[in-house]
Every structure is written in C-alpha cells, then in structure tokens.
Amino acid sequence: MLKKCKEYRFYLYCKIQVTFLIFSKSLKKERIDSKLWKHKFLKLWESNDERCEELLDRFIHCDIRKISQNKIKRKKRYAPVLFCVIKNDITKIPLFMEHYRKLGVEAFVFMDNDSTDGTREYLCEQKDTIVYSSRQEYSSVKRVAWLNRLIAMYGNNKWCLIVDSDEFINYIGSEEYNLAAVIKKANQSNNMRIQAFMLDMYSKEGLFQNHEQDSFLLTNRFFDKSSYELKGSDKGLLIYGGPRKRIFKENMLLSKCPLFYFGKDDMVANSHYMIPATPVRSSFVGLVLCHYKFIDKADMGKIEEAVIKENYASNSEDYKKYLITIRKEKNLNFYDERESVELIDSKSLNKIIFLKKIFE
C-alpha cells in the first residue's frame, strides 16, 4: 500500500510538471503565470492534499470565455477585486452591485453560468465589471476551478473578495468605514485572511414570500442573534447553526473567509476556506455575509434544481433536506420573537455577542 502511495505521488508530481509545460503557452495568452501556478500545485502536492489532481485537471481544462471588453481599474490601493459565480439572479444583482459599490468595490469579475433571465446582459452593461461565461454544468468543484482561473488573471498579489450573489457583506461601522478601511486595518496587523460568517436574513411573513425585485432588502431584515454554535480550530472560529438549524434541523457550517490577500501559495479550496490552510492566529470575526437565500420563488426553483441535478456538495444533500421540510410543512417561517432581531443599521449587529468591532 505504501509503495502504491509513493508511486502515485511520483506520478502526480510528474503530471504537474508536464501539464504546465504543455499548457504554458495557452495559459500565457490568458495572462496566467504558469510558473506561479505550477508552484502552487507543487505546494499542494507537498501537503498530500487528496484533491490535488482533481483541482489541477479542473483548473487546466476550464471552459470559460470572456464576453465583456472592460478592463479592471482600481483607484484605491486597498480596494478589493470582487469575484462572483452567478446564474439567473436578475432579481438580486442590481442591489448587489449598488451595495458593494457603496462599500468601495471598484472592480467586479463575474463568471456567468449560462444565465437566461437577463443577468448576463445586465452585467455586460456595467462599466466596472468584467464578465466571463461558461455553458458547462455547474458543480462545486467547477466553481472552485472557475474562481481560481479568474483570480489567476485578475487577483494575484491583490486583495480579493469572493461572494455569492445572495451574500451582502456587512460589519459594525459599515456606514462610516468602507472595505478599503477594513483591509488597511487588517494589513496593519498582518492579517491576510479575514473571517466572516453567513447571517441568514428573513422576513416576518415566511420563506419565499417576496414578490418585488427592489424590496427584498427591506422586507427580509431580520436575523438570529444567538442560535449559533462556536468551535475553535486552526482555521479560526467555526460557526454553525442559525435559523436553518432551528427549522431544517441542519447544523450548517456558516464560517467563510471571503476577504483575503491572494499570495504566491494561495488557492481557493471551496466555499468556506482557502488552501494552504495556514493556522489563523485569532478567533476574531468582524464580518457577516447577510445571506438572502430563501427570499422568493426563484430561490425555491434553485433549491429544486439543485436536488434534481445533485451538483452541490455531497450530491446536494443539504438541499434535499431543505426540500423535504419545505414540502412537508406549509408556511415555514424563520421568524421567532425570542430570537429574531431587526437589522436597522450596522449597529444592530451588536446583538450578536461574538461578533467583534473592527473599528473602535
């Protein structure tokens, strides 16, 4: 067994070397530094990460094409580049763009997964936005490959922000301090990865009840203040629970690392963390990702599609559990008078006991 393991590691080492030799010219055409990314995959190989070969294959054979002609222009040194994989989210994307522009994001890079509802066309009209497209069927692994390719082109040695189109970042003091200020403060502490957690947002009326495109932020303005479980780890503070645990009995991992400096050894691992998984020096969590996932009929359709296609983690196991409960119980509602807090402004986040103030 050990011999077989050694043989495989030798094979994988050779595959990494040969792959970047063969594809160096095609990568160069896309402004991707093949030597740098060979280095990243060799570092991953050294760590014995079992995903190394799959991530390599997906990264190299990544079928994406640029469909907009804009160029990235950043005026502020610490303004992050925002990266997002999106499909059919025209009801959320205008407010999404408005939100992040207010927080100082100056450049957006989207991977549109064959949208048919006008999302792609809307994004291509935005002057601060670069849009790529792919007709490949979505999967969690392909999402990682898409993000790594986009960051390879536009995020090396820059501060990057990865969010989904239903995630609106927030923090105490966000009205006064933009994301560049957050990054500058992190830089002063040599903190290159900034932790956050998903804060599920909901209305009093129940799940999937929103009917107007421009009102979901106003109607879905409640969140749980204390229904969370905290666990320490070398990746930082792991946060579980929230209203999905209360209603769906699903103890979801809510922790994410959406804001980070992309250095020479770094790579996107999945939706929750980066690799290499360098130890986080503190359990400081000062960011939330206000998460608008159960808002309208379009969101319900995405859950049903995920169940049919089984293209999310563990064959969409979480989505299957959601759908069973949704179909079994009518009038599902996250709202709870004892637990729910209204998001009036960023000061409302003080109700979450473990959430820290970035700016005192």
Protein backbone atom coordinates (compact mmCIF):
# COMPACT_ATOMS: atom_id res chain seq x y z
CA MET A 1 0.00 0.00 0.00
CA LEU A 2 2.85 2.35 0.88
CA LYS A 3 4.58 1.53 -2.41
CA LYS A 4 1.40 2.30 -4.30
CA CYS A 5 1.13 5.59 -2.46
CA LYS A 6 4.72 6.51 -3.37
CA GLU A 7 4.10 5.54 -6.98
CA TYR A 8 1.02 7.73 -7.16
CA ARG A 9 2.83 10.68 -5.62
CA PHE A 10 5.64 10.33 -8.17
CA TYR A 11 3.06 10.10 -10.97
CA LEU A 12 1.24 13.22 -9.70
CA TYR A 13 4.50 15.17 -9.36
CA CYS A 14 5.36 14.35 -12.98
CA LYS A 15 1.85 15.19 -14.12
CA ILE A 16 2.06 18.67 -12.57
CA GLN A 17 5.43 19.33 -14.24
CA VAL A 18 4.34 18.06 -17.66
CA THR A 19 0.91 19.73 -17.53
CA PHE A 20 2.31 23.21 -17.05
CA LEU A 21 4.97 22.56 -19.68
CA ILE A 22 2.31 21.59 -22.24
CA PHE A 23 -0.17 24.33 -21.37
CA SER A 24 2.22 27.20 -20.62
CA LYS A 25 1.56 28.97 -23.94
CA SER A 26 -2.23 28.75 -23.71
CA LEU A 27 -2.13 29.98 -20.11
CA LYS A 28 0.13 32.87 -21.11
CA LYS A 29 -2.46 34.01 -23.66
CA GLU A 30 -4.89 34.45 -20.74
CA ARG A 31 -2.25 36.33 -18.71
CA ILE A 32 -1.85 33.41 -16.30
CA ASP A 33 1.63 32.90 -14.84
CA SER A 34 2.22 29.18 -15.45
CA LYS A 35 5.37 29.11 -13.27
CA LEU A 36 3.47 30.61 -10.37
CA TRP A 37 0.58 28.17 -10.68
CA LYS A 38 2.93 25.22 -11.09
CA HIS A 39 4.49 26.36 -7.82
CA LYS A 40 1.03 26.50 -6.18
CA PHE A 41 0.15 22.96 -7.27
CA LEU A 42 3.54 21.61 -6.21
CA LYS A 43 2.98 23.15 -2.78
CA LEU A 44 -0.42 21.45 -2.73
CA TRP A 45 1.27 18.18 -3.76
CA GLU A 46 3.78 18.56 -0.91
CA SER A 47 0.91 18.86 1.57
CA ASN A 48 -0.54 15.49 0.46
CA ASP A 49 -3.88 17.15 -0.26
CA GLU A 50 -6.08 14.46 -1.81
CA ARG A 51 -7.83 17.00 -4.04
CA CYS A 52 -4.63 17.99 -5.83
CA GLU A 53 -5.14 16.05 -9.08
CA GLU A 54 -8.82 16.93 -9.43
CA LEU A 55 -8.16 20.61 -8.78
CA LEU A 56 -5.30 20.52 -11.31
CA ASP A 57 -7.47 18.94 -14.02
CA ARG A 58 -10.34 21.36 -13.44
CA PHE A 59 -8.03 24.37 -13.42
CA ILE A 60 -6.32 23.45 -16.70
CA HIS A 61 -9.40 22.23 -18.59
CA CYS A 62 -11.58 25.16 -17.58
CA ASP A 63 -14.02 26.10 -20.33
CA ILE A 64 -14.66 29.81 -19.83
CA ARG A 65 -14.68 32.72 -22.28
CA LYS A 66 -14.63 36.47 -21.83
CA ILE A 67 -17.81 38.15 -23.07
CA SER A 68 -17.21 41.77 -22.00
CA GLN A 69 -14.46 44.15 -23.09
CA ASN A 70 -13.96 46.17 -19.91
CA LYS A 71 -10.67 46.39 -18.03
CA ILE A 72 -10.11 46.45 -14.30
CA LYS A 73 -9.44 49.93 -12.95
CA ARG A 74 -8.78 50.46 -9.26
CA LYS A 75 -8.06 53.91 -7.86
CA LYS A 76 -7.59 52.98 -4.22
CA ARG A 77 -4.73 50.77 -3.11
CA TYR A 78 -6.76 48.70 -0.67
CA ALA A 79 -9.97 48.40 -2.70
CA PRO A 80 -10.61 44.66 -3.26
CA VAL A 81 -11.47 42.98 -6.55
CA LEU A 82 -14.81 41.20 -6.19
CA PHE A 83 -15.25 37.73 -7.73
CA CYS A 84 -18.61 36.03 -8.10
CA VAL A 85 -20.06 32.95 -9.84
CA ILE A 86 -23.65 33.66 -10.84
CA LYS A 87 -26.61 32.19 -12.69
CA ASN A 88 -30.09 33.65 -13.18
CA ASP A 89 -30.16 36.20 -10.35
CA ILE A 90 -31.50 39.32 -12.03
CA THR A 91 -33.81 39.97 -9.06
CA LYS A 92 -30.83 40.46 -6.72
CA ILE A 93 -27.91 41.64 -8.83
CA PRO A 94 -28.80 45.37 -9.21
CA LEU A 95 -28.97 45.82 -5.43
CA PHE A 96 -25.91 43.60 -5.04
CA MET A 97 -23.87 45.92 -7.27
CA GLU A 98 -25.20 49.02 -5.53
CA HIS A 99 -24.33 47.58 -2.11
CA TYR A 100 -20.71 46.75 -2.96
CA ARG A 101 -20.08 49.99 -4.82
CA LYS A 102 -21.17 51.86 -1.70
CA LEU A 103 -18.60 49.83 0.25
CA GLY A 104 -15.87 50.94 -2.15
CA VAL A 105 -15.53 47.99 -4.54
CA GLU A 106 -14.17 49.41 -7.81
CA ALA A 107 -13.80 46.22 -9.90
CA PHE A 108 -16.10 43.21 -10.35
CA VAL A 109 -15.26 39.92 -12.09
CA PHE A 110 -18.21 37.61 -12.76
CA MET A 111 -18.41 34.06 -14.09
CA ASP A 112 -21.89 33.76 -15.56
CA ASN A 113 -23.01 30.15 -15.79
CA ASP A 114 -25.25 30.48 -18.85
CA SER A 115 -27.93 32.77 -17.39
CA THR A 116 -31.20 33.08 -19.31
CA ASP A 117 -33.05 35.73 -17.26
CA GLY A 118 -31.10 38.84 -18.33
CA THR A 119 -28.35 38.58 -15.69
CA ARG A 120 -25.56 38.21 -18.25
CA GLU A 121 -26.78 41.13 -20.36
CA TYR A 122 -27.14 43.35 -17.28
CA LEU A 123 -23.59 42.59 -16.12
CA CYS A 124 -22.10 43.25 -19.55
CA GLU A 125 -23.55 46.77 -19.42
CA GLN A 126 -21.68 47.64 -16.21
CA LYS A 127 -18.51 49.66 -16.89
CA ASP A 128 -16.68 48.45 -13.77
CA THR A 129 -17.38 44.79 -14.50
CA ILE A 130 -15.59 42.00 -16.39
CA VAL A 131 -17.78 39.07 -17.39
CA TYR A 132 -16.80 35.53 -18.32
CA SER A 133 -19.22 32.81 -19.32
CA SER A 134 -19.41 29.02 -19.39
CA ARG A 135 -22.10 26.62 -20.53
CA GLN A 136 -20.63 23.77 -18.52
CA GLU A 137 -23.00 22.25 -15.99
CA TYR A 138 -22.38 23.73 -12.54
CA SER A 139 -20.72 21.70 -9.81
CA SER A 140 -18.95 22.67 -6.60
CA VAL A 141 -15.60 21.56 -8.00
CA LYS A 142 -16.09 23.51 -11.25
CA ARG A 143 -16.96 26.59 -9.22
CA VAL A 144 -13.57 26.34 -7.48
CA ALA A 145 -11.82 25.94 -10.84
CA TRP A 146 -13.63 28.96 -12.31
CA LEU A 147 -12.69 31.13 -9.34
CA ASN A 148 -9.05 30.04 -9.40
CA ARG A 149 -8.80 30.82 -13.13
CA LEU A 150 -10.36 34.26 -12.69
CA ILE A 151 -8.17 35.10 -9.71
CA ALA A 152 -5.13 33.86 -11.65
CA MET A 153 -5.93 36.53 -14.25
CA TYR A 154 -7.14 39.39 -12.06
CA GLY A 155 -6.34 38.71 -8.40
CA ASN A 156 -2.68 37.75 -7.99
CA ASN A 157 -0.99 39.82 -5.27
CA LYS A 158 -4.22 41.72 -4.67
CA TRP A 159 -6.90 41.80 -2.02
CA CYS A 160 -9.84 39.75 -3.26
CA LEU A 161 -13.44 39.34 -2.17
CA ILE A 162 -15.38 36.18 -3.10
CA VAL A 163 -19.12 36.32 -2.52
CA ASP A 164 -22.24 34.72 -3.96
CA SER A 165 -24.90 36.94 -5.48
CA ASP A 166 -27.14 36.40 -2.43
CA GLU A 167 -24.42 37.47 0.04
CA PHE A 168 -24.20 41.12 1.13
CA ILE A 169 -21.20 41.76 3.38
CA ASN A 170 -21.71 43.90 6.47
CA TYR A 171 -19.94 44.87 9.70
CA ILE A 172 -20.38 47.24 12.60
CA GLY A 173 -19.49 50.70 11.32
CA SER A 174 -20.02 49.93 7.63
CA GLU A 175 -21.82 53.24 7.10
CA GLU A 176 -18.65 55.10 8.06
CA TYR A 177 -15.82 52.77 7.01
CA ASN A 178 -15.59 51.10 3.59
CA LEU A 179 -13.89 47.79 2.72
CA ALA A 180 -10.62 49.55 1.89
CA ALA A 181 -10.52 50.73 5.52
CA VAL A 182 -11.20 47.17 6.72
CA ILE A 183 -8.34 45.86 4.58
CA LYS A 184 -5.95 48.62 5.64
CA LYS A 185 -6.59 47.78 9.28
CA ALA A 186 -6.08 44.06 8.63
CA ASN A 187 -2.87 44.81 6.76
CA GLN A 188 -1.52 46.69 9.76
CA SER A 189 -2.00 43.51 11.82
CA ASN A 190 -0.53 41.32 9.07
CA ASN A 191 -3.89 39.53 8.83
CA MET A 192 -4.14 38.35 5.22
CA ARG A 193 -7.39 36.40 5.60
CA ILE A 194 -10.45 37.99 7.17
CA GLN A 195 -13.09 35.70 8.61
CA ALA A 196 -16.86 36.09 8.29
CA PHE A 197 -19.98 34.02 8.73
CA MET A 198 -23.25 33.71 6.83
CA LEU A 199 -26.07 35.53 8.57
CA ASP A 200 -29.34 34.19 7.17
CA MET A 201 -31.82 37.02 6.60
CA TYR A 202 -35.59 36.59 6.60
CA SER A 203 -38.94 38.35 6.87
CA LYS A 204 -41.83 38.06 9.30
CA GLU A 205 -44.06 36.73 6.52
CA GLY A 206 -42.22 33.43 5.94
CA LEU A 207 -39.93 31.86 3.38
CA PHE A 208 -40.14 32.58 -0.38
CA GLN A 209 -42.75 35.33 0.11
CA ASN A 210 -41.00 38.28 -1.55
CA HIS A 211 -42.68 39.50 -4.76
CA GLU A 212 -40.94 42.79 -5.65
CA GLN A 213 -37.40 42.89 -7.04
CA ASP A 214 -36.33 46.09 -5.29
CA SER A 215 -37.75 45.36 -1.84
CA PHE A 216 -36.12 42.15 -0.59
CA LEU A 217 -33.52 44.00 1.48
CA LEU A 218 -36.28 45.92 3.26
CA THR A 219 -38.68 43.05 3.83
CA ASN A 220 -36.06 40.44 4.77
CA ARG A 221 -34.42 42.47 7.52
CA PHE A 222 -34.40 40.02 10.45
CA PHE A 223 -31.64 37.69 11.68
CA ASP A 224 -30.92 35.33 14.58
CA LYS A 225 -28.96 36.83 17.43
CA SER A 226 -27.82 33.75 19.38
CA SER A 227 -28.76 30.40 17.77
CA TYR A 228 -25.13 29.59 16.96
CA GLU A 229 -22.58 27.01 17.99
CA LEU A 230 -18.92 28.06 18.14
CA LYS A 231 -15.92 25.75 17.80
CA GLY A 232 -12.26 26.70 17.80
CA SER A 233 -9.93 25.30 15.12
CA ASP A 234 -6.67 26.06 13.32
CA LYS A 235 -8.82 27.63 10.57
CA GLY A 236 -10.21 30.11 13.09
CA LEU A 237 -13.57 30.19 14.81
CA LEU A 238 -16.00 27.75 13.19
CA ILE A 239 -19.61 28.88 13.43
CA TYR A 240 -22.59 26.56 12.97
CA GLY A 241 -26.35 26.76 13.35
CA GLY A 242 -28.63 29.75 12.81
CA PRO A 243 -32.26 29.60 11.65
CA ARG A 244 -31.56 26.72 9.26
CA LYS A 245 -30.73 24.56 12.25
CA ARG A 246 -33.88 25.70 14.05
CA ILE A 247 -36.20 24.96 11.12
CA PHE A 248 -34.45 22.39 8.92
CA LYS A 249 -32.52 20.66 11.74
CA GLU A 250 -29.40 21.11 9.63
CA ASN A 251 -26.27 22.21 11.50
CA MET A 252 -24.67 24.15 8.64
CA LEU A 253 -21.12 25.44 8.72
CA LEU A 254 -21.57 29.20 8.38
CA SER A 255 -17.93 30.29 8.57
CA LYS A 256 -16.26 31.67 5.48
CA CYS A 257 -13.10 33.53 4.51
CA PRO A 258 -14.42 35.85 1.80
CA LEU A 259 -11.84 38.65 2.05
CA PHE A 260 -8.17 37.77 1.59
CA TYR A 261 -4.85 38.74 0.07
CA PHE A 262 -4.03 36.29 -2.72
CA GLY A 263 -0.34 35.46 -2.34
CA LYS A 264 2.02 33.09 -4.14
CA ASP A 265 1.00 29.92 -2.24
CA ASP A 266 -2.74 30.57 -2.06
CA MET A 267 -5.57 28.80 -3.83
CA VAL A 268 -9.35 28.66 -3.45
CA ALA A 269 -10.33 25.36 -1.81
CA ASN A 270 -14.12 25.56 -1.54
CA SER A 271 -16.87 27.93 -0.43
CA HIS A 272 -15.56 28.11 3.13
CA TYR A 273 -11.77 28.37 3.17
CA MET A 274 -8.51 28.77 1.28
CA ILE A 275 -5.53 26.47 0.87
CA PRO A 276 -2.97 26.09 2.23
CA ALA A 277 -4.97 26.06 5.45
CA THR A 278 -2.49 28.15 7.41
CA PRO A 279 -3.35 28.46 11.11
CA VAL A 280 -5.43 31.52 11.95
CA ARG A 281 -3.86 33.38 14.84
CA SER A 282 -7.09 34.53 16.45
CA SER A 283 -10.79 33.81 16.63
CA PHE A 284 -11.61 37.38 15.60
CA VAL A 285 -14.77 37.52 13.48
CA GLY A 286 -15.86 41.02 12.49
CA LEU A 287 -17.69 40.46 9.19
CA VAL A 288 -21.06 38.97 8.37
CA LEU A 289 -22.42 37.89 4.99
CA CYS A 290 -26.08 38.84 5.10
CA HIS A 291 -27.49 35.82 3.27
CA TYR A 292 -30.68 36.18 1.23
CA LYS A 293 -31.25 32.56 0.20
CA PHE A 294 -34.91 31.85 0.96
CA ILE A 295 -36.48 35.00 -0.44
CA ASP A 296 -38.74 34.36 -3.45
CA LYS A 297 -39.99 31.78 -5.95
CA ALA A 298 -36.74 31.99 -7.91
CA ASP A 299 -34.85 30.82 -4.80
CA MET A 300 -37.29 27.96 -4.39
CA GLY A 301 -36.63 26.99 -8.00
CA LYS A 302 -32.87 26.92 -7.36
CA ILE A 303 -33.35 24.52 -4.45
CA GLU A 304 -35.46 22.21 -6.61
CA GLU A 305 -32.89 22.36 -9.42
CA ALA A 306 -30.02 21.56 -7.02
CA VAL A 307 -31.91 18.49 -5.79
CA ILE A 308 -32.57 17.24 -9.33
CA LYS A 309 -29.04 17.83 -10.64
CA GLU A 310 -27.20 16.85 -7.42
CA ASN A 311 -24.45 19.30 -8.39
CA TYR A 312 -23.64 20.75 -4.97
CA ALA A 313 -21.51 19.26 -2.19
CA SER A 314 -22.35 15.66 -1.24
CA ASN A 315 -24.81 15.37 -4.14
CA SER A 316 -26.79 18.38 -2.85
CA GLU A 317 -27.55 16.63 0.44
CA ASP A 318 -28.36 19.89 2.26
CA TYR A 319 -30.80 20.96 -0.46
CA LYS A 320 -32.56 17.61 -0.31
CA LYS A 321 -33.14 18.11 3.41
CA TYR A 322 -34.46 21.62 2.79
CA LEU A 323 -36.91 20.38 0.17
CA ILE A 324 -38.25 17.55 2.35
CA THR A 325 -39.11 20.02 5.12
CA ILE A 326 -40.49 22.63 2.71
CA ARG A 327 -42.86 20.12 1.12
CA LYS A 328 -43.86 18.58 4.43
CA GLU A 329 -44.63 21.80 6.33
CA LYS A 330 -46.63 24.71 4.92
CA ASN A 331 -45.97 28.33 5.87
CA LEU A 332 -42.38 27.83 7.01
CA ASN A 333 -41.02 30.84 8.85
CA PHE A 334 -37.61 31.61 10.32
CA TYR A 335 -39.02 34.46 12.40
CA ASP A 336 -39.07 33.89 16.17
CA GLU A 337 -40.00 36.65 18.62
CA ARG A 338 -37.44 35.43 21.18
CA GLU A 339 -34.58 35.04 18.72
CA SER A 340 -35.08 37.42 15.80
CA VAL A 341 -33.51 40.89 15.63
CA GLU A 342 -34.27 43.59 13.09
CA LEU A 343 -31.37 44.93 11.01
CA ILE A 344 -31.97 48.68 11.22
CA ASP A 345 -28.35 49.69 10.63
CA SER A 346 -24.94 48.14 11.24
CA LYS A 347 -25.23 48.85 15.00
CA SER A 348 -27.94 46.18 15.11
CA LEU A 349 -25.17 43.61 14.62
CA ASN A 350 -24.02 44.35 18.17
CA LYS A 351 -26.77 41.95 19.23
CA ILE A 352 -24.56 39.08 18.03
CA ILE A 353 -22.41 38.60 21.12
CA PHE A 354 -19.37 37.01 19.45
CA LEU A 355 -19.20 39.48 16.55
CA LYS A 356 -16.30 41.88 17.10
CA LYS A 357 -15.97 45.56 16.24
CA ILE A 358 -13.33 46.16 13.61
CA PHE A 359 -13.30 49.88 14.34
CA GLU A 360 -13.49 51.02 17.96
